[in-house]
PDB file of N, CA and C in Angstrom:
ATOM      1  N   MET A   1     -25.019  11.204  -8.135  1.00  0.00           N
ATOM      2  CA  MET A   1     -26.188  11.431  -7.226  1.00  0.00           C
ATOM      3  C   MET A   1     -25.968  12.797  -6.476  1.00  0.00           C
ATOM      4  N   MET A   2     -26.949  13.576  -6.420  1.00  0.00           N
ATOM      5  CA  MET A   2     -26.794  14.804  -5.790  1.00  0.00           C
ATOM      6  C   MET A   2     -27.689  14.776  -4.399  1.00  0.00           C
ATOM      7  N   VAL A   3     -27.156  15.362  -3.404  1.00  0.00           N
ATOM      8  CA  VAL A   3     -27.880  15.305  -2.038  1.00  0.00           C
ATOM      9  C   VAL A   3     -27.551  16.821  -1.527  1.00  0.00           C
ATOM     10  N   PRO A   4     -28.492  17.239  -0.759  1.00  0.00           N
ATOM     11  CA  PRO A   4     -28.371  18.572  -0.145  1.00  0.00           C
ATOM     12  C   PRO A   4     -27.125  18.629   0.696  1.00  0.00           C
ATOM     13  N   VAL A   5     -26.491  19.687   0.888  1.00  0.00           N
ATOM     14  CA  VAL A   5     -25.155  19.825   1.703  1.00  0.00           C
ATOM     15  C   VAL A   5     -25.374  19.344   3.183  1.00  0.00           C
ATOM     16  N   GLU A   6     -26.511  19.699   3.704  1.00  0.00           N
ATOM     17  CA  GLU A   6     -26.705  19.282   5.047  1.00  0.00           C
ATOM     18  C   GLU A   6     -26.793  17.759   5.263  1.00  0.00           C
ATOM     19  N   GLU A   7     -27.334  17.093   4.166  1.00  0.00           N
ATOM     20  CA  GLU A   7     -27.450  15.660   4.225  1.00  0.00           C
ATOM     21  C   GLU A   7     -26.092  14.958   4.079  1.00  0.00           C
ATOM     22  N   CYS A   8     -25.376  15.626   3.213  1.00  0.00           N
ATOM     23  CA  CYS A   8     -23.893  15.160   2.936  1.00  0.00           C
ATOM     24  C   CYS A   8     -23.124  15.277   4.213  1.00  0.00           C
ATOM     25  N   GLN A   9     -23.224  16.409   4.796  1.00  0.00           N
ATOM     26  CA  GLN A   9     -22.526  16.662   6.111  1.00  0.00           C
ATOM     27  C   GLN A   9     -23.069  15.552   7.155  1.00  0.00           C
ATOM     28  N   ARG A  10     -24.251  15.342   7.327  1.00  0.00           N
ATOM     29  CA  ARG A  10     -24.712  14.326   8.207  1.00  0.00           C
ATOM     30  C   ARG A  10     -24.065  12.924   7.931  1.00  0.00           C
ATOM     31  N   LEU A  11     -24.191  12.578   6.652  1.00  0.00           N
ATOM     32  CA  LEU A  11     -23.673  11.281   6.226  1.00  0.00           C
ATOM     33  C   LEU A  11     -22.214  11.096   6.508  1.00  0.00           C
ATOM     34  N   THR A  12     -21.450  12.164   6.386  1.00  0.00           N
ATOM     35  CA  THR A  12     -19.999  12.014   6.496  1.00  0.00           C
ATOM     36  C   THR A  12     -19.518  12.200   7.984  1.00  0.00           C
ATOM     37  N   ARG A  13     -20.370  12.767   8.897  1.00  0.00           N
ATOM     38  CA  ARG A  13     -20.100  12.858  10.158  1.00  0.00           C
ATOM     39  C   ARG A  13     -20.180  11.587  10.995  1.00  0.00           C
ATOM     40  N   ARG A  14     -19.362  11.319  11.880  1.00  0.00           N
ATOM     41  CA  ARG A  14     -19.303   9.993  12.647  1.00  0.00           C
ATOM     42  C   ARG A  14     -20.387  10.189  13.725  1.00  0.00           C
ATOM     43  N   ASP A  15     -21.596   9.898  13.496  1.00  0.00           N
ATOM     44  CA  ASP A  15     -22.654   9.838  14.578  1.00  0.00           C
ATOM     45  C   ASP A  15     -22.380   8.763  15.538  1.00  0.00           C
ATOM     46  N   ARG A  16     -21.859   7.652  15.118  1.00  0.00           N
ATOM     47  CA  ARG A  16     -21.806   6.553  16.035  1.00  0.00           C
ATOM     48  C   ARG A  16     -20.277   5.950  15.823  1.00  0.00           C
ATOM     49  N   GLN A  17     -19.925   5.319  16.846  1.00  0.00           N
ATOM     50  CA  GLN A  17     -18.595   4.763  16.844  1.00  0.00           C
ATOM     51  C   GLN A  17     -18.718   3.193  16.872  1.00  0.00           C
ATOM     52  N   VAL A  18     -18.027   2.515  16.144  1.00  0.00           N
ATOM     53  CA  VAL A  18     -17.927   1.067  16.050  1.00  0.00           C
ATOM     54  C   VAL A  18     -16.754   0.580  16.911  1.00  0.00           C
ATOM     55  N   LEU A  19     -16.936  -0.277  17.826  1.00  0.00           N
ATOM     56  CA  LEU A  19     -15.855  -0.744  18.518  1.00  0.00           C
ATOM     57  C   LEU A  19     -15.933  -2.362  18.432  1.00  0.00           C
ATOM     58  N   ARG A  20     -14.718  -2.859  18.510  1.00  0.00           N
ATOM     59  CA  ARG A  20     -14.560  -4.286  18.603  1.00  0.00           C
ATOM     60  C   ARG A  20     -14.846  -4.815  19.925  1.00  0.00           C
ATOM     61  N   LEU A  21     -15.290  -6.003  20.115  1.00  0.00           N
ATOM     62  CA  LEU A  21     -15.603  -6.547  21.469  1.00  0.00           C
ATOM     63  C   LEU A  21     -14.382  -6.451  22.347  1.00  0.00           C
ATOM     64  N   TYR A  22     -13.194  -6.836  21.879  1.00  0.00           N
ATOM     65  CA  TYR A  22     -12.061  -6.806  22.651  1.00  0.00           C
ATOM     66  C   TYR A  22     -11.504  -5.433  22.938  1.00  0.00           C
ATOM     67  N   ASP A  23     -12.171  -4.306  22.391  1.00  0.00           N
ATOM     68  CA  ASP A  23     -11.765  -3.035  22.674  1.00  0.00           C
ATOM     69  C   ASP A  23     -12.534  -2.536  23.988  1.00  0.00           C
ATOM     70  N   LEU A  24     -13.510  -3.264  24.361  1.00  0.00           N
ATOM     71  CA  LEU A  24     -14.379  -2.942  25.556  1.00  0.00           C
ATOM     72  C   LEU A  24     -13.580  -3.391  26.909  1.00  0.00           C
ATOM     73  N   SER A  25     -13.754  -2.454  27.876  1.00  0.00           N
ATOM     74  CA  SER A  25     -13.091  -2.845  29.188  1.00  0.00           C
ATOM     75  C   SER A  25     -13.977  -3.686  29.883  1.00  0.00           C
ATOM     76  N   SER A  26     -13.482  -4.233  30.991  1.00  0.00           N
ATOM     77  CA  SER A  26     -14.379  -5.214  31.827  1.00  0.00           C
ATOM     78  C   SER A  26     -15.484  -4.432  32.452  1.00  0.00           C
ATOM     79  N   ALA A  27     -15.214  -3.123  32.697  1.00  0.00           N
ATOM     80  CA  ALA A  27     -16.393  -2.195  33.250  1.00  0.00           C
ATOM     81  C   ALA A  27     -17.417  -2.059  32.113  1.00  0.00           C
ATOM     82  N   ASP A  28     -17.016  -1.823  30.977  1.00  0.00           N
ATOM     83  CA  ASP A  28     -17.953  -1.832  29.899  1.00  0.00           C
ATOM     84  C   ASP A  28     -18.772  -2.914  29.768  1.00  0.00           C
ATOM     85  N   LEU A  29     -18.161  -4.057  29.729  1.00  0.00           N
ATOM     86  CA  LEU A  29     -18.792  -5.407  29.560  1.00  0.00           C
ATOM     87  C   LEU A  29     -19.745  -5.567  30.688  1.00  0.00           C
ATOM     88  N   ALA A  30     -19.435  -5.229  31.821  1.00  0.00           N
ATOM     89  CA  ALA A  30     -20.333  -5.447  33.137  1.00  0.00           C
ATOM     90  C   ALA A  30     -21.519  -4.501  32.970  1.00  0.00           C
ATOM     91  N   ALA A  31     -21.346  -3.348  32.452  1.00  0.00           N
ATOM     92  CA  ALA A  31     -22.445  -2.323  32.246  1.00  0.00           C
ATOM     93  C   ALA A  31     -23.340  -2.832  31.261  1.00  0.00           C
ATOM     94  N   ILE A  32     -22.856  -3.389  30.241  1.00  0.00           N
ATOM     95  CA  ILE A  32     -23.780  -4.009  29.127  1.00  0.00           C
ATOM     96  C   ILE A  32     -24.584  -5.104  29.735  1.00  0.00           C
ATOM     97  N   ALA A  33     -23.962  -6.012  30.543  1.00  0.00           N
ATOM     98  CA  ALA A  33     -24.538  -7.112  31.079  1.00  0.00           C
ATOM     99  C   ALA A  33     -25.796  -6.807  32.024  1.00  0.00           C
ATOM    100  N   LYS A  34     -25.523  -5.598  32.778  1.00  0.00           N
ATOM    101  CA  LYS A  34     -26.571  -5.188  33.761  1.00  0.00           C
ATOM    102  C   LYS A  34     -27.644  -4.339  33.083  1.00  0.00           C
ATOM    103  N   ALA A  35     -27.455  -3.924  31.815  1.00  0.00           N
ATOM    104  CA  ALA A  35     -28.370  -3.037  31.155  1.00  0.00           C
ATOM    105  C   ALA A  35     -29.690  -3.834  30.951  1.00  0.00           C
ATOM    106  N   GLY A  36     -30.732  -2.884  31.000  1.00  0.00           N
ATOM    107  CA  GLY A  36     -32.069  -3.462  30.763  1.00  0.00           C
ATOM    108  C   GLY A  36     -32.770  -2.630  29.723  1.00  0.00           C
ATOM    109  N   VAL A  37     -33.904  -3.059  29.364  1.00  0.00           N
ATOM    110  CA  VAL A  37     -34.820  -2.302  28.461  1.00  0.00           C
ATOM    111  C   VAL A  37     -35.711  -1.350  29.298  1.00  0.00           C
ATOM    112  N   PRO A  38     -35.748  -0.215  28.911  1.00  0.00           N
ATOM    113  CA  PRO A  38     -36.626   0.760  29.680  1.00  0.00           C
ATOM    114  C   PRO A  38     -38.093   0.250  29.527  1.00  0.00           C
ATOM    115  N   ASP A  39     -38.955   0.486  30.410  1.00  0.00           N
ATOM    116  CA  ASP A  39     -40.234  -0.015  30.635  1.00  0.00           C
ATOM    117  C   ASP A  39     -41.037   0.455  29.358  1.00  0.00           C
ATOM    118  N   GLU A  40     -40.842   1.560  28.926  1.00  0.00           N
ATOM    119  CA  GLU A  40     -41.587   2.064  27.700  1.00  0.00           C
ATOM    120  C   GLU A  40     -41.398   1.299  26.494  1.00  0.00           C
ATOM    121  N   TYR A  41     -40.302   0.406  26.437  1.00  0.00           N
ATOM    122  CA  TYR A  41     -40.178  -0.442  25.280  1.00  0.00           C
ATOM    123  C   TYR A  41     -40.235  -1.924  25.505  1.00  0.00           C
ATOM    124  N   ALA A  42     -40.649  -2.186  26.794  1.00  0.00           N
ATOM    125  CA  ALA A  42     -40.888  -3.497  27.230  1.00  0.00           C
ATOM    126  C   ALA A  42     -41.798  -4.373  26.212  1.00  0.00           C
ATOM    127  N   HIS A  43     -42.788  -3.725  25.655  1.00  0.00           N
ATOM    128  CA  HIS A  43     -43.781  -4.232  24.752  1.00  0.00           C
ATOM    129  C   HIS A  43     -43.036  -4.903  23.509  1.00  0.00           C
ATOM    130  N   LEU A  44     -41.881  -4.454  23.148  1.00  0.00           N
ATOM    131  CA  LEU A  44     -41.096  -4.850  21.955  1.00  0.00           C
ATOM    132  C   LEU A  44     -40.601  -6.353  22.197  1.00  0.00           C
ATOM    133  N   ASN A  45     -40.495  -6.757  23.517  1.00  0.00           N
ATOM    134  CA  ASN A  45     -39.923  -8.044  23.722  1.00  0.00           C
ATOM    135  C   ASN A  45     -40.844  -9.160  23.196  1.00  0.00           C
ATOM    136  N   GLU A  46     -42.200  -8.834  23.204  1.00  0.00           N
ATOM    137  CA  GLU A  46     -43.092  -9.821  22.499  1.00  0.00           C
ATOM    138  C   GLU A  46     -42.917  -9.957  21.155  1.00  0.00           C
ATOM    139  N   GLU A  47     -42.249  -8.979  20.395  1.00  0.00           N
ATOM    140  CA  GLU A  47     -42.109  -9.072  18.991  1.00  0.00           C
ATOM    141  C   GLU A  47     -40.952 -10.035  18.619  1.00  0.00           C
ATOM    142  N   VAL A  48     -40.088 -10.303  19.495  1.00  0.00           N
ATOM    143  CA  VAL A  48     -38.944 -11.139  19.270  1.00  0.00           C
ATOM    144  C   VAL A  48     -38.892 -12.314  20.154  1.00  0.00           C
ATOM    145  N   GLU A  49     -40.057 -12.585  20.867  1.00  0.00           N
ATOM    146  CA  GLU A  49     -40.139 -13.815  21.840  1.00  0.00           C
ATOM    147  C   GLU A  49     -40.008 -15.102  20.993  1.00  0.00           C
ATOM    148  N   HIS A  50     -40.546 -14.950  19.705  1.00  0.00           N
ATOM    149  CA  HIS A  50     -40.588 -16.303  18.956  1.00  0.00           C
ATOM    150  C   HIS A  50     -39.156 -16.647  18.518  1.00  0.00           C
ATOM    151  N   LEU A  51     -38.189 -15.702  18.576  1.00  0.00           N
ATOM    152  CA  LEU A  51     -36.708 -16.017  18.118  1.00  0.00           C
ATOM    153  C   LEU A  51     -36.098 -16.838  19.182  1.00  0.00           C
ATOM    154  N   LYS A  52     -36.580 -16.793  20.411  1.00  0.00           N
ATOM    155  CA  LYS A  52     -35.900 -17.574  21.585  1.00  0.00           C
ATOM    156  C   LYS A  52     -36.153 -19.143  21.411  1.00  0.00           C
ATOM    157  N   ARG A  53     -37.314 -19.391  20.682  1.00  0.00           N
ATOM    158  CA  ARG A  53     -37.717 -20.769  20.608  1.00  0.00           C
ATOM    159  C   ARG A  53     -36.897 -21.585  19.640  1.00  0.00           C
TER     160      ARG A  53
END
């Protein structure tokens, strides 16, 4: 398969980092627990509301 050089560089760059749960500090976990959805995305809650039932 051939891809443009720029795409290959993008794919091989680490854009995101994967962490295991136990790699997170208690401060990280507290920040996650306090996190909320920005108002501009609140409408997306309706799309997954049926999953809670």
